[in-house]
Amino acid sequence: MAIGITVITTANSARRFLQTDEAAIEQTLDSLRRSSQMFAGKPLIVGSEAQTEVFARASIACLEFAAAKDLSVYVASPLKLQLTVLTPEQLAEPFSGWFEGERFKVRIDFFFTGGHVLHTLAEGVRKAALAERLMNLTSFLDRPVMNYRLAQGGVGLMNPATITRFVIFPGTDDLPRDAWLGELA
């Protein structure tokens, strides 16, 4: 097994690394198990015989772990929400999302400090109580980490502290009372 690791920074640069050593892979999987702490604490260090790179965790927008093995079992999804990165082909197609009963399917585009954009398909269970739906919408950026699936296999972790905004398509009627109403000009 191998894991391809991509570190996307708030400078909108991506550094890619490959792990093939079983002990190194196990250490990475252990880090995924503790993913809620991924963007806090000590710097992230990725080293090899050729070089060592050190990343300030606060400057990491996303971490992606590509693998043939299903890595989603190593990360928790507290919102009962599944985010999957859209492929360029899916982005080119017209999107028609929906909110039906207890389920929903929407597109969410995440915009990060430095210009990185993550286009995702979001599917999940819609909370029955309006207060719970509003809480999910307004507390999204307060979470320590949000995970997503990679289209080609694997998982990603986004650092909500580096998200400048996110856009939900289609819009939702469940807005907080203090939300501003307005159409895009």
N, C-alpha and C. Protein backbone atom coordinates (compact mmCIF):
# COMPACT_ATOMS: atom_id res chain seq x y z
N MET A 1 0.84 -1.18 0.00
CA MET A 1 0.00 0.00 0.00
C MET A 1 0.88 1.24 0.00
N ALA A 2 0.37 2.29 -0.62
CA ALA A 2 1.06 3.58 -0.65
C ALA A 2 0.04 4.68 -0.35
N ILE A 3 0.52 5.77 0.22
CA ILE A 3 -0.32 6.93 0.47
C ILE A 3 0.36 8.14 -0.15
N GLY A 4 -0.38 8.85 -1.00
CA GLY A 4 0.10 10.12 -1.53
C GLY A 4 -0.43 11.23 -0.64
N ILE A 5 0.45 12.06 -0.12
CA ILE A 5 0.06 13.14 0.79
C ILE A 5 0.27 14.47 0.07
N THR A 6 -0.76 15.31 0.09
CA THR A 6 -0.67 16.66 -0.47
C THR A 6 -0.95 17.65 0.65
N VAL A 7 -0.03 18.58 0.83
CA VAL A 7 -0.19 19.66 1.80
C VAL A 7 -0.48 20.92 1.00
N ILE A 8 -1.67 21.49 1.17
CA ILE A 8 -2.06 22.72 0.48
C ILE A 8 -2.03 23.84 1.51
N THR A 9 -1.21 24.85 1.24
CA THR A 9 -1.02 25.92 2.22
C THR A 9 -1.86 27.14 1.90
N THR A 10 -1.89 28.07 2.84
CA THR A 10 -2.62 29.32 2.64
C THR A 10 -1.91 30.23 1.63
N ALA A 11 -0.75 29.85 1.18
CA ALA A 11 -0.08 30.55 0.08
C ALA A 11 -0.53 29.96 -1.26
N ASN A 12 -1.52 29.06 -1.21
CA ASN A 12 -2.07 28.36 -2.38
C ASN A 12 -1.00 27.58 -3.12
N SER A 13 -0.10 26.98 -2.36
CA SER A 13 0.89 26.09 -2.95
C SER A 13 0.62 24.68 -2.44
N ALA A 14 0.93 23.72 -3.28
CA ALA A 14 0.70 22.32 -2.92
C ALA A 14 2.03 21.58 -2.97
N ARG A 15 2.34 20.88 -1.89
CA ARG A 15 3.54 20.05 -1.82
C ARG A 15 3.06 18.60 -1.74
N ARG A 16 3.65 17.74 -2.56
CA ARG A 16 3.21 16.35 -2.62
C ARG A 16 4.33 15.41 -2.14
N PHE A 17 3.91 14.41 -1.38
CA PHE A 17 4.83 13.42 -0.83
C PHE A 17 4.23 12.04 -1.03
N LEU A 18 5.08 11.03 -1.09
CA LEU A 18 4.62 9.66 -1.25
C LEU A 18 5.18 8.81 -0.13
N GLN A 19 4.30 8.04 0.51
CA GLN A 19 4.72 7.09 1.55
C GLN A 19 4.50 5.68 1.05
N THR A 20 5.54 4.86 1.13
CA THR A 20 5.42 3.45 0.77
C THR A 20 5.86 2.54 1.91
N ASP A 21 6.57 3.07 2.87
CA ASP A 21 7.05 2.31 4.02
C ASP A 21 5.89 2.03 4.97
N GLU A 22 5.69 0.76 5.33
CA GLU A 22 4.55 0.36 6.16
C GLU A 22 4.54 1.07 7.52
N ALA A 23 5.69 1.24 8.15
CA ALA A 23 5.75 1.91 9.45
C ALA A 23 5.35 3.38 9.32
N ALA A 24 5.79 4.04 8.26
CA ALA A 24 5.43 5.44 8.03
C ALA A 24 3.93 5.56 7.75
N ILE A 25 3.39 4.63 6.99
CA ILE A 25 1.96 4.63 6.69
C ILE A 25 1.15 4.44 7.97
N GLU A 26 1.57 3.55 8.83
CA GLU A 26 0.86 3.32 10.09
C GLU A 26 0.87 4.58 10.96
N GLN A 27 1.98 5.30 10.96
CA GLN A 27 2.06 6.55 11.73
C GLN A 27 1.08 7.59 11.14
N THR A 28 0.97 7.64 9.84
CA THR A 28 0.03 8.57 9.19
C THR A 28 -1.41 8.17 9.53
N LEU A 29 -1.71 6.88 9.48
CA LEU A 29 -3.06 6.42 9.82
C LEU A 29 -3.40 6.74 11.28
N ASP A 30 -2.41 6.64 12.15
CA ASP A 30 -2.62 7.00 13.55
C ASP A 30 -2.93 8.50 13.67
N SER A 31 -2.26 9.32 12.89
CA SER A 31 -2.56 10.76 12.88
C SER A 31 -3.97 11.03 12.39
N LEU A 32 -4.42 10.25 11.39
CA LEU A 32 -5.79 10.41 10.89
C LEU A 32 -6.81 10.06 11.98
N ARG A 33 -6.50 9.07 12.80
CA ARG A 33 -7.40 8.70 13.89
C ARG A 33 -7.58 9.86 14.88
N ARG A 34 -6.56 10.71 14.98
CA ARG A 34 -6.61 11.88 15.86
C ARG A 34 -6.77 13.16 15.03
N SER A 35 -7.51 13.07 13.95
CA SER A 35 -7.60 14.18 12.99
C SER A 35 -8.21 15.45 13.57
N SER A 36 -8.99 15.35 14.63
CA SER A 36 -9.59 16.56 15.21
C SER A 36 -8.52 17.50 15.76
N GLN A 37 -7.31 17.00 15.96
CA GLN A 37 -6.20 17.83 16.47
C GLN A 37 -5.18 18.15 15.38
N MET A 38 -5.52 17.85 14.14
CA MET A 38 -4.55 17.95 13.05
C MET A 38 -3.98 19.36 12.84
N PHE A 39 -4.79 20.39 13.08
CA PHE A 39 -4.32 21.74 12.78
C PHE A 39 -3.96 22.53 14.03
N ALA A 40 -3.72 21.84 15.12
CA ALA A 40 -3.32 22.49 16.37
C ALA A 40 -1.99 21.89 16.82
N GLY A 41 -1.28 22.64 17.61
CA GLY A 41 -0.06 22.10 18.20
C GLY A 41 1.18 22.32 17.36
N LYS A 42 2.07 21.35 17.47
CA LYS A 42 3.40 21.45 16.86
C LYS A 42 3.31 21.51 15.33
N PRO A 43 4.35 22.02 14.70
CA PRO A 43 4.37 22.04 13.23
C PRO A 43 4.30 20.64 12.64
N LEU A 44 3.81 20.55 11.41
CA LEU A 44 3.80 19.30 10.67
C LEU A 44 5.16 19.15 10.01
N ILE A 45 5.81 18.03 10.23
CA ILE A 45 7.13 17.77 9.65
C ILE A 45 7.04 16.55 8.75
N VAL A 46 7.47 16.72 7.51
CA VAL A 46 7.54 15.61 6.56
C VAL A 46 9.00 15.50 6.15
N GLY A 47 9.61 14.37 6.45
CA GLY A 47 11.04 14.22 6.20
C GLY A 47 11.37 12.98 5.42
N SER A 48 12.52 13.05 4.78
CA SER A 48 13.08 11.91 4.05
C SER A 48 14.59 12.06 4.12
N GLU A 49 15.28 11.12 3.51
CA GLU A 49 16.73 11.20 3.46
C GLU A 49 17.18 12.42 2.66
N ALA A 50 16.39 12.81 1.66
CA ALA A 50 16.77 13.92 0.79
C ALA A 50 16.48 15.29 1.39
N GLN A 51 15.39 15.41 2.18
CA GLN A 51 15.02 16.73 2.71
C GLN A 51 14.01 16.59 3.83
N THR A 52 13.86 17.67 4.59
CA THR A 52 12.85 17.75 5.65
C THR A 52 12.10 19.05 5.46
N GLU A 53 10.77 18.98 5.43
CA GLU A 53 9.94 20.18 5.29
C GLU A 53 9.13 20.36 6.56
N VAL A 54 9.03 21.60 7.02
CA VAL A 54 8.30 21.93 8.23
C VAL A 54 7.20 22.92 7.86
N PHE A 55 5.95 22.60 8.22
CA PHE A 55 4.79 23.44 7.91
C PHE A 55 4.18 23.96 9.20
N ALA A 56 3.95 25.25 9.29
CA ALA A 56 3.19 25.80 10.40
C ALA A 56 1.76 25.33 10.22
N ARG A 57 1.20 24.68 11.23
CA ARG A 57 -0.14 24.10 11.08
C ARG A 57 -1.20 25.15 10.77
N ALA A 58 -1.04 26.36 11.30
CA ALA A 58 -2.01 27.43 11.04
C ALA A 58 -1.99 27.87 9.58
N SER A 59 -0.92 27.55 8.84
CA SER A 59 -0.83 27.96 7.44
C SER A 59 -1.22 26.83 6.48
N ILE A 60 -1.75 25.74 7.01
CA ILE A 60 -2.20 24.63 6.17
C ILE A 60 -3.70 24.78 5.93
N ALA A 61 -4.10 24.89 4.67
CA ALA A 61 -5.53 24.97 4.32
C ALA A 61 -6.14 23.58 4.28
N CYS A 62 -5.46 22.65 3.61
CA CYS A 62 -5.98 21.29 3.46
C CYS A 62 -4.83 20.28 3.46
N LEU A 63 -5.13 19.10 3.95
CA LEU A 63 -4.24 17.94 3.83
C LEU A 63 -5.02 16.87 3.11
N GLU A 64 -4.40 16.27 2.08
CA GLU A 64 -5.10 15.21 1.33
C GLU A 64 -4.26 13.95 1.34
N PHE A 65 -4.95 12.83 1.53
CA PHE A 65 -4.31 11.52 1.63
C PHE A 65 -4.94 10.61 0.58
N ALA A 66 -4.25 10.42 -0.53
CA ALA A 66 -4.76 9.59 -1.63
C ALA A 66 -4.27 8.16 -1.45
N ALA A 67 -5.21 7.22 -1.52
CA ALA A 67 -4.85 5.81 -1.37
C ALA A 67 -5.93 4.94 -2.00
N ALA A 68 -5.54 3.76 -2.39
CA ALA A 68 -6.50 2.81 -2.93
C ALA A 68 -7.38 2.26 -1.79
N LYS A 69 -6.84 2.20 -0.59
CA LYS A 69 -7.57 1.71 0.59
C LYS A 69 -8.54 2.80 1.06
N ASP A 70 -9.70 2.39 1.57
CA ASP A 70 -10.68 3.34 2.09
C ASP A 70 -10.16 3.91 3.41
N LEU A 71 -9.78 5.17 3.41
CA LEU A 71 -9.24 5.81 4.62
C LEU A 71 -10.32 6.52 5.43
N SER A 72 -11.55 6.56 4.93
CA SER A 72 -12.61 7.29 5.63
C SER A 72 -12.92 6.68 7.00
N VAL A 73 -12.58 5.41 7.19
CA VAL A 73 -12.84 4.77 8.48
C VAL A 73 -11.94 5.33 9.58
N TYR A 74 -10.89 6.06 9.21
CA TYR A 74 -9.96 6.61 10.18
C TYR A 74 -10.35 8.01 10.66
N VAL A 75 -11.30 8.66 9.98
CA VAL A 75 -11.70 10.02 10.36
C VAL A 75 -13.19 10.04 10.70
N ALA A 76 -13.54 10.85 11.68
CA ALA A 76 -14.94 10.95 12.10
C ALA A 76 -15.65 12.03 11.30
N SER A 77 -16.95 11.89 11.13
CA SER A 77 -17.77 12.91 10.48
C SER A 77 -18.90 13.26 11.42
N PRO A 78 -18.69 14.25 12.30
CA PRO A 78 -19.66 14.55 13.35
C PRO A 78 -20.99 15.12 12.84
N LEU A 79 -21.04 15.62 11.63
CA LEU A 79 -22.26 16.26 11.13
C LEU A 79 -23.17 15.31 10.37
N LYS A 80 -22.83 14.04 10.26
CA LYS A 80 -23.56 13.12 9.40
C LYS A 80 -23.64 13.71 7.99
N LEU A 81 -22.50 14.23 7.58
CA LEU A 81 -22.37 14.91 6.30
C LEU A 81 -21.23 14.28 5.55
N GLN A 82 -21.46 13.95 4.29
CA GLN A 82 -20.40 13.42 3.45
C GLN A 82 -20.06 14.44 2.38
N LEU A 83 -18.84 14.92 2.40
CA LEU A 83 -18.34 15.85 1.39
C LEU A 83 -17.41 15.08 0.46
N THR A 84 -17.60 15.24 -0.85
CA THR A 84 -16.75 14.59 -1.85
C THR A 84 -16.29 15.64 -2.84
N VAL A 85 -14.99 15.67 -3.11
CA VAL A 85 -14.45 16.63 -4.06
C VAL A 85 -15.01 16.34 -5.45
N LEU A 86 -15.44 17.38 -6.14
CA LEU A 86 -15.96 17.23 -7.49
C LEU A 86 -14.81 17.17 -8.50
N THR A 87 -14.96 16.33 -9.49
CA THR A 87 -13.97 16.24 -10.57
C THR A 87 -14.17 17.42 -11.53
N PRO A 88 -13.19 17.75 -12.36
CA PRO A 88 -13.39 18.81 -13.36
C PRO A 88 -14.59 18.52 -14.28
N GLU A 89 -14.82 17.25 -14.59
CA GLU A 89 -15.96 16.89 -15.44
C GLU A 89 -17.28 17.19 -14.72
N GLN A 90 -17.35 16.87 -13.43
CA GLN A 90 -18.56 17.15 -12.66
C GLN A 90 -18.79 18.66 -12.53
N LEU A 91 -17.71 19.41 -12.39
CA LEU A 91 -17.84 20.88 -12.29
C LEU A 91 -18.38 21.48 -13.57
N ALA A 92 -18.06 20.87 -14.70
CA ALA A 92 -18.51 21.39 -15.99
C ALA A 92 -19.99 21.13 -16.25
N GLU A 93 -20.56 20.14 -15.56
CA GLU A 93 -21.96 19.79 -15.75
C GLU A 93 -22.86 20.70 -14.92
N PRO A 94 -24.08 20.98 -15.39
CA PRO A 94 -25.03 21.74 -14.57
C PRO A 94 -25.35 20.96 -13.29
N PHE A 95 -25.51 21.69 -12.19
CA PHE A 95 -25.78 21.03 -10.91
C PHE A 95 -27.20 21.32 -10.47
N SER A 96 -27.86 20.30 -9.98
CA SER A 96 -29.22 20.45 -9.46
C SER A 96 -29.28 19.77 -8.10
N GLY A 97 -29.15 20.56 -7.06
CA GLY A 97 -29.21 20.02 -5.71
C GLY A 97 -30.63 20.04 -5.18
N TRP A 98 -30.83 19.49 -3.99
CA TRP A 98 -32.18 19.43 -3.43
C TRP A 98 -32.15 19.24 -1.92
N PHE A 99 -33.24 19.63 -1.32
CA PHE A 99 -33.54 19.38 0.09
C PHE A 99 -34.88 18.65 0.08
N GLU A 100 -34.89 17.37 0.46
CA GLU A 100 -36.13 16.59 0.45
C GLU A 100 -36.26 15.83 1.75
N GLY A 101 -37.28 16.17 2.52
CA GLY A 101 -37.52 15.47 3.78
C GLY A 101 -36.30 15.53 4.68
N GLU A 102 -35.79 14.36 5.04
CA GLU A 102 -34.65 14.29 5.94
C GLU A 102 -33.31 14.26 5.20
N ARG A 103 -33.30 14.27 3.90
CA ARG A 103 -32.06 14.16 3.13
C ARG A 103 -31.81 15.43 2.33
N PHE A 104 -30.55 15.63 1.97
CA PHE A 104 -30.20 16.74 1.09
C PHE A 104 -28.98 16.39 0.26
N LYS A 105 -28.88 17.08 -0.87
CA LYS A 105 -27.74 16.96 -1.76
C LYS A 105 -27.49 18.36 -2.30
N VAL A 106 -26.34 18.95 -1.94
CA VAL A 106 -26.00 20.30 -2.35
C VAL A 106 -24.54 20.34 -2.79
N ARG A 107 -24.19 21.42 -3.44
CA ARG A 107 -22.79 21.68 -3.78
C ARG A 107 -22.31 22.76 -2.81
N ILE A 108 -21.14 22.56 -2.24
CA ILE A 108 -20.54 23.58 -1.38
C ILE A 108 -19.14 23.88 -1.91
N ASP A 109 -18.90 25.14 -2.21
CA ASP A 109 -17.57 25.60 -2.62
C ASP A 109 -16.93 26.31 -1.44
N PHE A 110 -15.74 25.85 -1.05
CA PHE A 110 -15.00 26.43 0.07
C PHE A 110 -13.87 27.29 -0.47
N PHE A 111 -13.76 28.50 0.03
CA PHE A 111 -12.72 29.44 -0.39
C PHE A 111 -11.78 29.68 0.80
N PHE A 112 -10.47 29.53 0.56
CA PHE A 112 -9.49 29.60 1.62
C PHE A 112 -8.60 30.84 1.48
N THR A 113 -8.02 31.25 2.59
CA THR A 113 -7.01 32.30 2.59
C THR A 113 -5.95 31.91 1.56
N GLY A 114 -5.54 32.82 0.72
CA GLY A 114 -4.52 32.54 -0.28
C GLY A 114 -5.07 32.14 -1.62
N GLY A 115 -6.39 31.85 -1.72
CA GLY A 115 -6.99 31.59 -3.02
C GLY A 115 -7.35 30.16 -3.34
N HIS A 116 -6.98 29.20 -2.52
CA HIS A 116 -7.35 27.81 -2.81
C HIS A 116 -8.88 27.68 -2.75
N VAL A 117 -9.46 26.92 -3.69
CA VAL A 117 -10.90 26.67 -3.71
C VAL A 117 -11.12 25.16 -3.76
N LEU A 118 -12.04 24.69 -2.94
CA LEU A 118 -12.38 23.28 -2.89
C LEU A 118 -13.86 23.15 -3.24
N HIS A 119 -14.16 22.50 -4.37
CA HIS A 119 -15.54 22.31 -4.83
C HIS A 119 -15.99 20.92 -4.38
N THR A 120 -17.09 20.86 -3.62
CA THR A 120 -17.53 19.57 -3.09
C THR A 120 -19.01 19.32 -3.34
N LEU A 121 -19.35 18.05 -3.35
CA LEU A 121 -20.74 17.59 -3.32
C LEU A 121 -21.00 17.20 -1.88
N ALA A 122 -22.06 17.73 -1.29
CA ALA A 122 -22.40 17.43 0.10
C ALA A 122 -23.71 16.67 0.13
N GLU A 123 -23.70 15.54 0.81
CA GLU A 123 -24.91 14.74 0.99
C GLU A 123 -25.02 14.37 2.45
N GLY A 124 -26.25 14.36 2.95
CA GLY A 124 -26.39 14.00 4.34
C GLY A 124 -27.82 13.98 4.83
N VAL A 125 -27.92 13.87 6.14
CA VAL A 125 -29.21 13.84 6.82
C VAL A 125 -29.52 15.24 7.30
N ARG A 126 -30.69 15.69 6.96
CA ARG A 126 -31.14 17.02 7.36
C ARG A 126 -31.75 16.93 8.75
N LYS A 127 -31.28 17.77 9.66
CA LYS A 127 -31.81 17.77 11.02
C LYS A 127 -33.28 18.17 10.99
N ALA A 128 -34.07 17.54 11.86
CA ALA A 128 -35.51 17.81 11.88
C ALA A 128 -35.83 19.19 12.43
N ALA A 129 -35.13 19.63 13.46
CA ALA A 129 -35.43 20.91 14.10
C ALA A 129 -34.68 22.04 13.41
N LEU A 130 -35.37 23.14 13.15
CA LEU A 130 -34.76 24.30 12.51
C LEU A 130 -33.56 24.78 13.31
N ALA A 131 -33.65 24.80 14.62
CA ALA A 131 -32.54 25.27 15.46
C ALA A 131 -31.28 24.44 15.22
N GLU A 132 -31.44 23.13 15.05
CA GLU A 132 -30.29 22.27 14.78
C GLU A 132 -29.70 22.54 13.40
N ARG A 133 -30.55 22.78 12.41
CA ARG A 133 -30.06 23.09 11.06
C ARG A 133 -29.29 24.41 11.06
N LEU A 134 -29.80 25.39 11.78
CA LEU A 134 -29.11 26.68 11.86
C LEU A 134 -27.78 26.53 12.58
N MET A 135 -27.74 25.72 13.63
CA MET A 135 -26.50 25.48 14.37
C MET A 135 -25.45 24.86 13.47
N ASN A 136 -25.83 23.89 12.65
CA ASN A 136 -24.88 23.28 11.73
C ASN A 136 -24.34 24.30 10.74
N LEU A 137 -25.19 25.17 10.24
CA LEU A 137 -24.77 26.18 9.27
C LEU A 137 -23.83 27.21 9.89
N THR A 138 -24.17 27.70 11.06
CA THR A 138 -23.40 28.79 11.66
C THR A 138 -22.15 28.32 12.41
N SER A 139 -22.11 27.06 12.84
CA SER A 139 -20.95 26.59 13.60
C SER A 139 -19.91 25.89 12.73
N PHE A 140 -20.14 25.83 11.44
CA PHE A 140 -19.25 25.11 10.54
C PHE A 140 -17.81 25.60 10.65
N LEU A 141 -17.62 26.91 10.69
CA LEU A 141 -16.28 27.48 10.71
C LEU A 141 -15.61 27.39 12.08
N ASP A 142 -16.37 27.04 13.11
CA ASP A 142 -15.81 26.92 14.46
C ASP A 142 -15.24 25.54 14.75
N ARG A 143 -15.40 24.61 13.86
CA ARG A 143 -14.93 23.25 14.09
C ARG A 143 -13.40 23.19 13.92
N PRO A 144 -12.75 22.25 14.61
CA PRO A 144 -11.29 22.17 14.49
C PRO A 144 -10.82 21.58 13.15
N VAL A 145 -11.68 20.78 12.51
CA VAL A 145 -11.32 20.15 11.24
C VAL A 145 -12.60 19.67 10.56
N MET A 146 -12.59 19.64 9.23
CA MET A 146 -13.68 19.05 8.45
C MET A 146 -13.04 18.08 7.46
N ASN A 147 -13.62 16.90 7.34
CA ASN A 147 -13.05 15.94 6.41
C ASN A 147 -13.90 15.83 5.14
N TYR A 148 -13.26 15.33 4.10
CA TYR A 148 -13.92 15.12 2.82
C TYR A 148 -13.28 13.94 2.11
N ARG A 149 -14.00 13.41 1.14
CA ARG A 149 -13.48 12.29 0.34
C ARG A 149 -12.89 12.84 -0.95
N LEU A 150 -11.82 12.22 -1.38
CA LEU A 150 -11.22 12.57 -2.67
C LEU A 150 -11.92 11.78 -3.76
N ALA A 151 -12.11 12.39 -4.89
CA ALA A 151 -12.81 11.72 -6.00
C ALA A 151 -12.08 10.46 -6.46
N GLN A 152 -10.74 10.47 -6.43
CA GLN A 152 -9.96 9.33 -6.91
C GLN A 152 -9.67 8.31 -5.82
N GLY A 153 -10.17 8.53 -4.60
CA GLY A 153 -9.94 7.62 -3.48
C GLY A 153 -9.04 8.25 -2.44
N GLY A 154 -9.43 8.15 -1.21
CA GLY A 154 -8.68 8.74 -0.12
C GLY A 154 -9.52 9.79 0.59
N VAL A 155 -8.89 10.49 1.52
CA VAL A 155 -9.60 11.50 2.30
C VAL A 155 -8.79 12.79 2.35
N GLY A 156 -9.50 13.85 2.67
CA GLY A 156 -8.86 15.15 2.88
C GLY A 156 -9.36 15.76 4.17
N LEU A 157 -8.55 16.63 4.72
CA LEU A 157 -8.91 17.36 5.93
C LEU A 157 -8.76 18.84 5.64
N MET A 158 -9.80 19.61 5.91
CA MET A 158 -9.68 21.06 5.71
C MET A 158 -9.61 21.74 7.07
N ASN A 159 -8.86 22.83 7.08
CA ASN A 159 -8.66 23.62 8.29
C ASN A 159 -9.67 24.77 8.25
N PRO A 160 -10.78 24.67 9.00
CA PRO A 160 -11.81 25.71 8.95
C PRO A 160 -11.30 27.10 9.34
N ALA A 161 -10.22 27.18 10.10
CA ALA A 161 -9.67 28.48 10.49
C ALA A 161 -9.11 29.24 9.29
N THR A 162 -8.87 28.55 8.18
CA THR A 162 -8.33 29.21 6.98
C THR A 162 -9.38 29.42 5.90
N ILE A 163 -10.62 29.04 6.18
CA ILE A 163 -11.71 29.26 5.22
C ILE A 163 -12.19 30.70 5.34
N THR A 164 -12.22 31.41 4.22
CA THR A 164 -12.72 32.79 4.23
C THR A 164 -14.22 32.85 4.00
N ARG A 165 -14.75 31.89 3.24
CA ARG A 165 -16.19 31.81 3.00
C ARG A 165 -16.52 30.48 2.36
N PHE A 166 -17.79 30.11 2.39
CA PHE A 166 -18.25 28.96 1.62
C PHE A 166 -19.61 29.30 1.04
N VAL A 167 -19.91 28.72 -0.13
CA VAL A 167 -21.14 29.00 -0.86
C VAL A 167 -21.88 27.68 -1.05
N ILE A 168 -23.18 27.69 -0.72
CA ILE A 168 -24.02 26.50 -0.84
C ILE A 168 -24.97 26.68 -2.03
N PHE A 169 -24.99 25.67 -2.93
CA PHE A 169 -25.88 25.67 -4.08
C PHE A 169 -26.80 24.46 -3.99
N PRO A 170 -28.09 24.54 -4.08
CA PRO A 170 -28.86 25.78 -4.09
C PRO A 170 -28.87 26.39 -2.69
N GLY A 171 -29.30 27.64 -2.62
CA GLY A 171 -29.40 28.31 -1.33
C GLY A 171 -30.44 27.63 -0.45
N THR A 172 -30.38 27.94 0.81
CA THR A 172 -31.32 27.34 1.75
C THR A 172 -32.24 28.40 2.35
N ASP A 173 -33.47 28.00 2.63
CA ASP A 173 -34.42 28.90 3.28
C ASP A 173 -34.18 29.00 4.78
N ASP A 174 -33.39 28.06 5.31
CA ASP A 174 -33.13 28.01 6.76
C ASP A 174 -32.01 28.97 7.11
N LEU A 175 -32.32 30.25 7.14
CA LEU A 175 -31.32 31.27 7.45
C LEU A 175 -31.54 31.82 8.86
N PRO A 176 -30.46 32.19 9.54
CA PRO A 176 -30.61 32.85 10.84
C PRO A 176 -31.37 34.16 10.68
N ARG A 177 -32.04 34.60 11.75
CA ARG A 177 -32.82 35.84 11.69
C ARG A 177 -31.98 37.05 11.31
N ASP A 178 -30.69 37.06 11.68
CA ASP A 178 -29.85 38.22 11.41
C ASP A 178 -29.11 38.13 10.07
N ALA A 179 -29.46 37.13 9.24
CA ALA A 179 -28.84 37.01 7.91
C ALA A 179 -29.31 38.13 7.00
N TRP A 180 -28.43 38.61 6.16
CA TRP A 180 -28.79 39.62 5.16
C TRP A 180 -29.35 38.90 3.93
N LEU A 181 -30.42 39.40 3.36
CA LEU A 181 -30.99 38.82 2.15
C LEU A 181 -30.53 39.64 0.96
N GLY A 182 -30.09 39.01 -0.09
CA GLY A 182 -29.63 39.73 -1.28
C GLY A 182 -29.25 38.77 -2.38
N GLU A 183 -29.50 39.19 -3.60
CA GLU A 183 -29.12 38.41 -4.78
C GLU A 183 -27.74 38.85 -5.23
N LEU A 184 -27.00 37.94 -5.84
CA LEU A 184 -25.67 38.25 -6.37
C LEU A 184 -25.81 39.25 -7.51
N ALA A 185 -25.06 40.31 -7.47
CA ALA A 185 -25.15 41.37 -8.50
C ALA A 185 -24.14 41.14 -9.60
